Amino acid sequence: MAPEEAALVAVGRAVDASGAPVDGAAITVQTIWPGRAGGRFGCTGSYLVGHWTVVTTADGQFALDLRLTTPRAPICVVVLGALSGETTWRDTASVVTPFTAVTQGAVPDTVRFDLRLAR
């Protein structure tokens, strides 16, 4: 399989224990290839092929355009969230999904992750 550029949009929201949005939460997204179910975070793979970090907005929202160049296979996407100033992950979410090949006029798939960051 030849590598090809592929994309996926990861969006989500971080809330606290009461359901209020968390402003400034640290969100880390890791992509692992080839993705399969299992492992500590719900999915796993052989190679870490992407790593992004973003901070939530005042409404707790985050969004990332994930682009990779890998051979065509499902990707494990793990999202971890921590409260501002903390080093402990408070919640994680994961999915195994194929990314959409980047071609003229193609719109990447979107995956939503909702995190509860309780103390």
N, C-alpha and C. Protein backbone atom coordinates (compact mmCIF):
# COMPACT_ATOMS: atom_id res chain seq x y z
N MET A 1 0.83 -1.19 0.00
CA MET A 1 0.00 0.00 0.00
C MET A 1 0.87 1.24 0.00
N ALA A 2 0.65 2.13 -0.91
CA ALA A 2 1.39 3.37 -0.98
C ALA A 2 0.79 4.40 -0.02
N PRO A 3 1.63 5.18 0.65
CA PRO A 3 1.10 6.24 1.52
C PRO A 3 0.33 7.28 0.72
N GLU A 4 -0.69 7.85 1.32
CA GLU A 4 -1.46 8.92 0.71
C GLU A 4 -1.88 9.90 1.78
N GLU A 5 -2.05 11.17 1.40
CA GLU A 5 -2.51 12.15 2.36
C GLU A 5 -3.98 11.90 2.66
N ALA A 6 -4.31 11.88 3.95
CA ALA A 6 -5.68 11.65 4.38
C ALA A 6 -6.01 12.63 5.50
N ALA A 7 -7.31 12.89 5.71
CA ALA A 7 -7.73 13.89 6.70
C ALA A 7 -8.92 13.40 7.50
N LEU A 8 -9.04 13.95 8.69
CA LEU A 8 -10.18 13.74 9.57
C LEU A 8 -10.29 14.99 10.43
N VAL A 9 -11.50 15.45 10.67
CA VAL A 9 -11.71 16.61 11.54
C VAL A 9 -12.16 16.08 12.90
N ALA A 10 -11.43 16.45 13.95
CA ALA A 10 -11.79 16.07 15.32
C ALA A 10 -12.36 17.30 16.01
N VAL A 11 -13.59 17.19 16.48
CA VAL A 11 -14.23 18.28 17.22
C VAL A 11 -14.72 17.74 18.54
N GLY A 12 -14.97 18.62 19.49
CA GLY A 12 -15.48 18.15 20.77
C GLY A 12 -15.69 19.27 21.74
N ARG A 13 -16.03 18.84 22.96
CA ARG A 13 -16.34 19.78 24.03
C ARG A 13 -15.86 19.19 25.34
N ALA A 14 -15.29 20.03 26.17
CA ALA A 14 -14.86 19.63 27.51
C ALA A 14 -15.76 20.31 28.52
N VAL A 15 -16.32 19.52 29.43
CA VAL A 15 -17.17 20.05 30.50
C VAL A 15 -16.65 19.56 31.84
N ASP A 16 -17.07 20.25 32.93
CA ASP A 16 -16.68 19.82 34.26
C ASP A 16 -17.74 18.85 34.81
N ALA A 17 -17.61 18.47 36.06
CA ALA A 17 -18.52 17.49 36.66
C ALA A 17 -19.97 17.93 36.64
N SER A 18 -20.22 19.26 36.68
CA SER A 18 -21.59 19.76 36.67
C SER A 18 -22.14 19.95 35.25
N GLY A 19 -21.28 19.74 34.24
CA GLY A 19 -21.71 19.92 32.86
C GLY A 19 -21.41 21.29 32.29
N ALA A 20 -20.75 22.16 33.09
CA ALA A 20 -20.39 23.50 32.61
C ALA A 20 -19.17 23.41 31.71
N PRO A 21 -19.09 24.23 30.65
CA PRO A 21 -17.93 24.20 29.76
C PRO A 21 -16.64 24.56 30.49
N VAL A 22 -15.55 23.94 30.08
CA VAL A 22 -14.23 24.21 30.67
C VAL A 22 -13.42 25.05 29.70
N ASP A 23 -13.11 26.26 30.10
CA ASP A 23 -12.29 27.17 29.30
C ASP A 23 -10.82 26.87 29.57
N GLY A 24 -10.00 26.76 28.53
CA GLY A 24 -8.57 26.60 28.69
C GLY A 24 -8.10 25.20 29.02
N ALA A 25 -8.94 24.19 28.81
CA ALA A 25 -8.51 22.81 29.04
C ALA A 25 -7.50 22.41 27.98
N ALA A 26 -6.51 21.62 28.37
CA ALA A 26 -5.52 21.11 27.42
C ALA A 26 -6.05 19.83 26.79
N ILE A 27 -6.15 19.82 25.48
CA ILE A 27 -6.64 18.66 24.73
C ILE A 27 -5.49 18.15 23.86
N THR A 28 -5.18 16.88 23.98
CA THR A 28 -4.16 16.25 23.15
C THR A 28 -4.81 15.18 22.30
N VAL A 29 -4.47 15.16 21.02
CA VAL A 29 -4.96 14.16 20.09
C VAL A 29 -3.76 13.38 19.56
N GLN A 30 -3.83 12.06 19.67
CA GLN A 30 -2.79 11.19 19.14
C GLN A 30 -3.40 10.25 18.12
N THR A 31 -2.70 10.02 17.03
CA THR A 31 -3.16 9.08 16.01
C THR A 31 -2.15 7.95 15.89
N ILE A 32 -2.68 6.73 15.86
CA ILE A 32 -1.84 5.54 15.86
C ILE A 32 -2.26 4.66 14.69
N TRP A 33 -1.26 4.19 13.93
CA TRP A 33 -1.52 3.41 12.72
C TRP A 33 -0.86 2.06 12.82
N PRO A 34 -1.39 1.00 12.26
CA PRO A 34 -2.79 0.84 11.86
C PRO A 34 -3.65 0.68 13.11
N GLY A 35 -4.81 1.27 13.11
CA GLY A 35 -5.67 1.27 14.29
C GLY A 35 -6.45 -0.03 14.46
N ARG A 36 -6.60 -0.41 15.73
CA ARG A 36 -7.43 -1.57 16.06
C ARG A 36 -7.96 -1.40 17.48
N ALA A 37 -9.05 -2.05 17.79
CA ALA A 37 -9.65 -1.98 19.12
C ALA A 37 -8.73 -2.63 20.14
N GLY A 38 -8.80 -2.15 21.39
CA GLY A 38 -8.02 -2.71 22.48
C GLY A 38 -7.08 -1.69 23.07
N GLY A 39 -6.27 -2.11 24.01
CA GLY A 39 -5.30 -1.22 24.63
C GLY A 39 -5.89 -0.41 25.76
N ARG A 40 -5.02 0.33 26.42
CA ARG A 40 -5.39 1.11 27.60
C ARG A 40 -6.42 2.20 27.33
N PHE A 41 -6.40 2.79 26.14
CA PHE A 41 -7.30 3.90 25.83
C PHE A 41 -8.46 3.50 24.94
N GLY A 42 -8.65 2.22 24.67
CA GLY A 42 -9.78 1.76 23.87
C GLY A 42 -9.41 1.38 22.45
N CYS A 43 -8.28 1.89 21.97
CA CYS A 43 -7.76 1.47 20.67
C CYS A 43 -6.25 1.58 20.72
N THR A 44 -5.61 0.92 19.78
CA THR A 44 -4.16 0.88 19.76
C THR A 44 -3.68 0.69 18.33
N GLY A 45 -2.40 0.57 18.15
CA GLY A 45 -1.79 0.35 16.85
C GLY A 45 -0.30 0.16 17.02
N SER A 46 0.42 0.18 15.92
CA SER A 46 1.86 -0.08 15.97
C SER A 46 2.71 1.19 15.97
N TYR A 47 2.24 2.27 15.34
CA TYR A 47 3.08 3.46 15.18
C TYR A 47 2.30 4.73 15.51
N LEU A 48 2.88 5.60 16.34
CA LEU A 48 2.33 6.93 16.57
C LEU A 48 2.64 7.75 15.32
N VAL A 49 1.60 8.19 14.60
CA VAL A 49 1.82 8.90 13.34
C VAL A 49 1.36 10.36 13.39
N GLY A 50 0.80 10.78 14.51
CA GLY A 50 0.39 12.17 14.64
C GLY A 50 0.15 12.54 16.09
N HIS A 51 0.44 13.80 16.43
CA HIS A 51 0.26 14.29 17.79
C HIS A 51 -0.03 15.79 17.72
N TRP A 52 -1.17 16.20 18.25
CA TRP A 52 -1.57 17.60 18.24
C TRP A 52 -2.04 17.99 19.64
N THR A 53 -1.89 19.27 19.98
CA THR A 53 -2.39 19.80 21.24
C THR A 53 -3.12 21.11 20.95
N VAL A 54 -4.24 21.29 21.63
CA VAL A 54 -5.04 22.49 21.47
C VAL A 54 -5.65 22.84 22.83
N VAL A 55 -6.07 24.08 22.99
CA VAL A 55 -6.72 24.54 24.23
C VAL A 55 -8.17 24.86 23.91
N THR A 56 -9.09 24.48 24.81
CA THR A 56 -10.51 24.74 24.56
C THR A 56 -10.81 26.24 24.67
N THR A 57 -11.85 26.64 23.96
CA THR A 57 -12.33 28.02 24.00
C THR A 57 -13.23 28.20 25.22
N ALA A 58 -13.73 29.41 25.43
CA ALA A 58 -14.57 29.72 26.60
C ALA A 58 -15.81 28.83 26.68
N ASP A 59 -16.31 28.37 25.53
CA ASP A 59 -17.48 27.49 25.55
C ASP A 59 -17.10 26.01 25.64
N GLY A 60 -15.83 25.73 25.91
CA GLY A 60 -15.37 24.35 26.08
C GLY A 60 -15.13 23.61 24.79
N GLN A 61 -15.27 24.28 23.65
CA GLN A 61 -15.16 23.62 22.35
C GLN A 61 -13.72 23.53 21.87
N PHE A 62 -13.45 22.52 21.04
CA PHE A 62 -12.17 22.42 20.35
C PHE A 62 -12.40 21.78 18.99
N ALA A 63 -11.49 22.06 18.06
CA ALA A 63 -11.56 21.48 16.72
C ALA A 63 -10.15 21.43 16.14
N LEU A 64 -9.86 20.33 15.46
CA LEU A 64 -8.57 20.15 14.80
C LEU A 64 -8.76 19.47 13.46
N ASP A 65 -8.05 19.95 12.46
CA ASP A 65 -8.00 19.31 11.15
C ASP A 65 -6.78 18.40 11.16
N LEU A 66 -7.00 17.10 11.27
CA LEU A 66 -5.91 16.13 11.36
C LEU A 66 -5.56 15.65 9.96
N ARG A 67 -4.30 15.81 9.57
CA ARG A 67 -3.85 15.35 8.26
C ARG A 67 -2.65 14.45 8.44
N LEU A 68 -2.69 13.31 7.76
CA LEU A 68 -1.63 12.31 7.86
C LEU A 68 -1.27 11.80 6.47
N THR A 69 -0.08 11.28 6.35
CA THR A 69 0.31 10.55 5.15
C THR A 69 0.74 9.16 5.60
N THR A 70 -0.16 8.20 5.41
CA THR A 70 0.08 6.82 5.82
C THR A 70 -0.50 5.89 4.76
N PRO A 71 -0.08 4.62 4.77
CA PRO A 71 -0.78 3.65 3.92
C PRO A 71 -2.24 3.57 4.36
N ARG A 72 -3.13 3.28 3.43
CA ARG A 72 -4.57 3.25 3.69
C ARG A 72 -4.91 2.14 4.68
N ALA A 73 -5.38 2.52 5.86
CA ALA A 73 -5.81 1.58 6.90
C ALA A 73 -6.52 2.41 7.98
N PRO A 74 -7.37 1.77 8.78
CA PRO A 74 -7.99 2.51 9.88
C PRO A 74 -6.93 3.11 10.81
N ILE A 75 -7.28 4.23 11.42
CA ILE A 75 -6.40 4.94 12.34
C ILE A 75 -7.06 4.95 13.72
N CYS A 76 -6.26 4.71 14.76
CA CYS A 76 -6.73 4.86 16.14
C CYS A 76 -6.55 6.33 16.51
N VAL A 77 -7.63 6.99 16.92
CA VAL A 77 -7.57 8.38 17.35
C VAL A 77 -7.88 8.41 18.85
N VAL A 78 -6.92 8.88 19.64
CA VAL A 78 -7.09 8.98 21.09
C VAL A 78 -7.08 10.46 21.46
N VAL A 79 -8.09 10.88 22.23
CA VAL A 79 -8.19 12.26 22.69
C VAL A 79 -8.11 12.25 24.21
N LEU A 80 -7.21 13.07 24.76
CA LEU A 80 -7.01 13.16 26.20
C LEU A 80 -7.25 14.59 26.64
N GLY A 81 -7.88 14.79 27.80
CA GLY A 81 -8.15 16.13 28.29
C GLY A 81 -7.66 16.33 29.71
N ALA A 82 -7.11 17.51 30.00
CA ALA A 82 -6.65 17.87 31.33
C ALA A 82 -7.09 19.30 31.63
N LEU A 83 -7.35 19.57 32.90
CA LEU A 83 -7.69 20.92 33.31
C LEU A 83 -6.46 21.81 33.20
N SER A 84 -6.67 23.08 32.98
CA SER A 84 -5.58 24.04 32.83
C SER A 84 -4.65 23.98 34.04
N GLY A 85 -3.34 23.90 33.79
CA GLY A 85 -2.35 23.88 34.86
C GLY A 85 -2.13 22.53 35.51
N GLU A 86 -2.85 21.51 35.07
CA GLU A 86 -2.69 20.17 35.65
C GLU A 86 -1.97 19.26 34.68
N THR A 87 -1.35 18.22 35.21
CA THR A 87 -0.64 17.27 34.37
C THR A 87 -1.31 15.90 34.35
N THR A 88 -2.46 15.79 35.01
CA THR A 88 -3.20 14.53 35.05
C THR A 88 -4.32 14.54 34.03
N TRP A 89 -4.37 13.51 33.17
CA TRP A 89 -5.47 13.40 32.22
C TRP A 89 -6.73 13.09 33.00
N ARG A 90 -7.79 13.87 32.80
CA ARG A 90 -9.05 13.68 33.52
C ARG A 90 -10.05 12.82 32.77
N ASP A 91 -9.91 12.75 31.44
CA ASP A 91 -10.82 11.92 30.65
C ASP A 91 -10.14 11.62 29.32
N THR A 92 -10.50 10.48 28.75
CA THR A 92 -10.00 10.11 27.43
C THR A 92 -11.16 9.57 26.60
N ALA A 93 -11.01 9.63 25.30
CA ALA A 93 -11.98 9.06 24.37
C ALA A 93 -11.20 8.56 23.18
N SER A 94 -11.74 7.55 22.50
CA SER A 94 -11.03 7.03 21.34
C SER A 94 -12.00 6.46 20.32
N VAL A 95 -11.50 6.32 19.09
CA VAL A 95 -12.26 5.73 18.00
C VAL A 95 -11.27 5.16 17.00
N VAL A 96 -11.66 4.09 16.34
CA VAL A 96 -10.89 3.56 15.22
C VAL A 96 -11.70 3.87 13.97
N THR A 97 -11.08 4.62 13.05
CA THR A 97 -11.82 5.06 11.87
C THR A 97 -10.86 5.26 10.70
N PRO A 98 -11.34 5.04 9.49
CA PRO A 98 -10.51 5.42 8.35
C PRO A 98 -10.54 6.93 8.17
N PHE A 99 -9.46 7.50 7.69
CA PHE A 99 -9.43 8.91 7.33
C PHE A 99 -9.86 9.00 5.86
N THR A 100 -10.35 10.15 5.44
CA THR A 100 -10.77 10.38 4.06
C THR A 100 -9.56 10.82 3.24
N ALA A 101 -9.37 10.20 2.09
CA ALA A 101 -8.27 10.61 1.20
C ALA A 101 -8.48 12.06 0.79
N VAL A 102 -7.40 12.83 0.78
CA VAL A 102 -7.48 14.24 0.39
C VAL A 102 -7.46 14.31 -1.13
N THR A 103 -8.61 14.68 -1.69
CA THR A 103 -8.74 14.84 -3.13
C THR A 103 -9.56 16.10 -3.39
N GLN A 104 -9.48 16.59 -4.61
CA GLN A 104 -10.23 17.78 -5.00
C GLN A 104 -11.71 17.59 -4.71
N GLY A 105 -12.28 18.49 -3.91
CA GLY A 105 -13.71 18.47 -3.62
C GLY A 105 -14.15 17.51 -2.52
N ALA A 106 -13.25 16.68 -2.00
CA ALA A 106 -13.62 15.73 -0.94
C ALA A 106 -13.65 16.46 0.41
N VAL A 107 -14.68 16.20 1.18
CA VAL A 107 -14.81 16.78 2.51
C VAL A 107 -14.44 15.71 3.53
N PRO A 108 -13.51 16.00 4.45
CA PRO A 108 -13.12 14.98 5.43
C PRO A 108 -14.26 14.64 6.38
N ASP A 109 -14.24 13.42 6.87
CA ASP A 109 -15.20 13.01 7.89
C ASP A 109 -14.92 13.77 9.17
N THR A 110 -15.94 13.87 10.03
CA THR A 110 -15.81 14.53 11.33
C THR A 110 -16.14 13.53 12.43
N VAL A 111 -15.32 13.52 13.47
CA VAL A 111 -15.56 12.68 14.63
C VAL A 111 -15.67 13.60 15.84
N ARG A 112 -16.69 13.36 16.68
CA ARG A 112 -16.93 14.20 17.86
C ARG A 112 -16.48 13.47 19.12
N PHE A 113 -15.79 14.21 20.00
CA PHE A 113 -15.35 13.70 21.27
C PHE A 113 -15.85 14.62 22.39
N ASP A 114 -16.57 14.06 23.35
CA ASP A 114 -17.04 14.83 24.50
C ASP A 114 -16.31 14.32 25.74
N LEU A 115 -15.65 15.25 26.43
CA LEU A 115 -14.84 14.90 27.59
C LEU A 115 -15.41 15.52 28.86
N ARG A 116 -15.41 14.75 29.94
CA ARG A 116 -15.83 15.26 31.26
C ARG A 116 -14.57 15.33 32.11
N LEU A 117 -14.19 16.57 32.46
CA LEU A 117 -12.96 16.80 33.19
C LEU A 117 -13.26 17.14 34.64
N ALA A 118 -13.56 16.13 35.42
CA ALA A 118 -13.89 16.31 36.84
C ALA A 118 -12.62 16.27 37.68
N ARG A 119 -12.59 17.01 38.75
CA ARG A 119 -11.45 16.97 39.68
C ARG A 119 -11.53 15.76 40.56
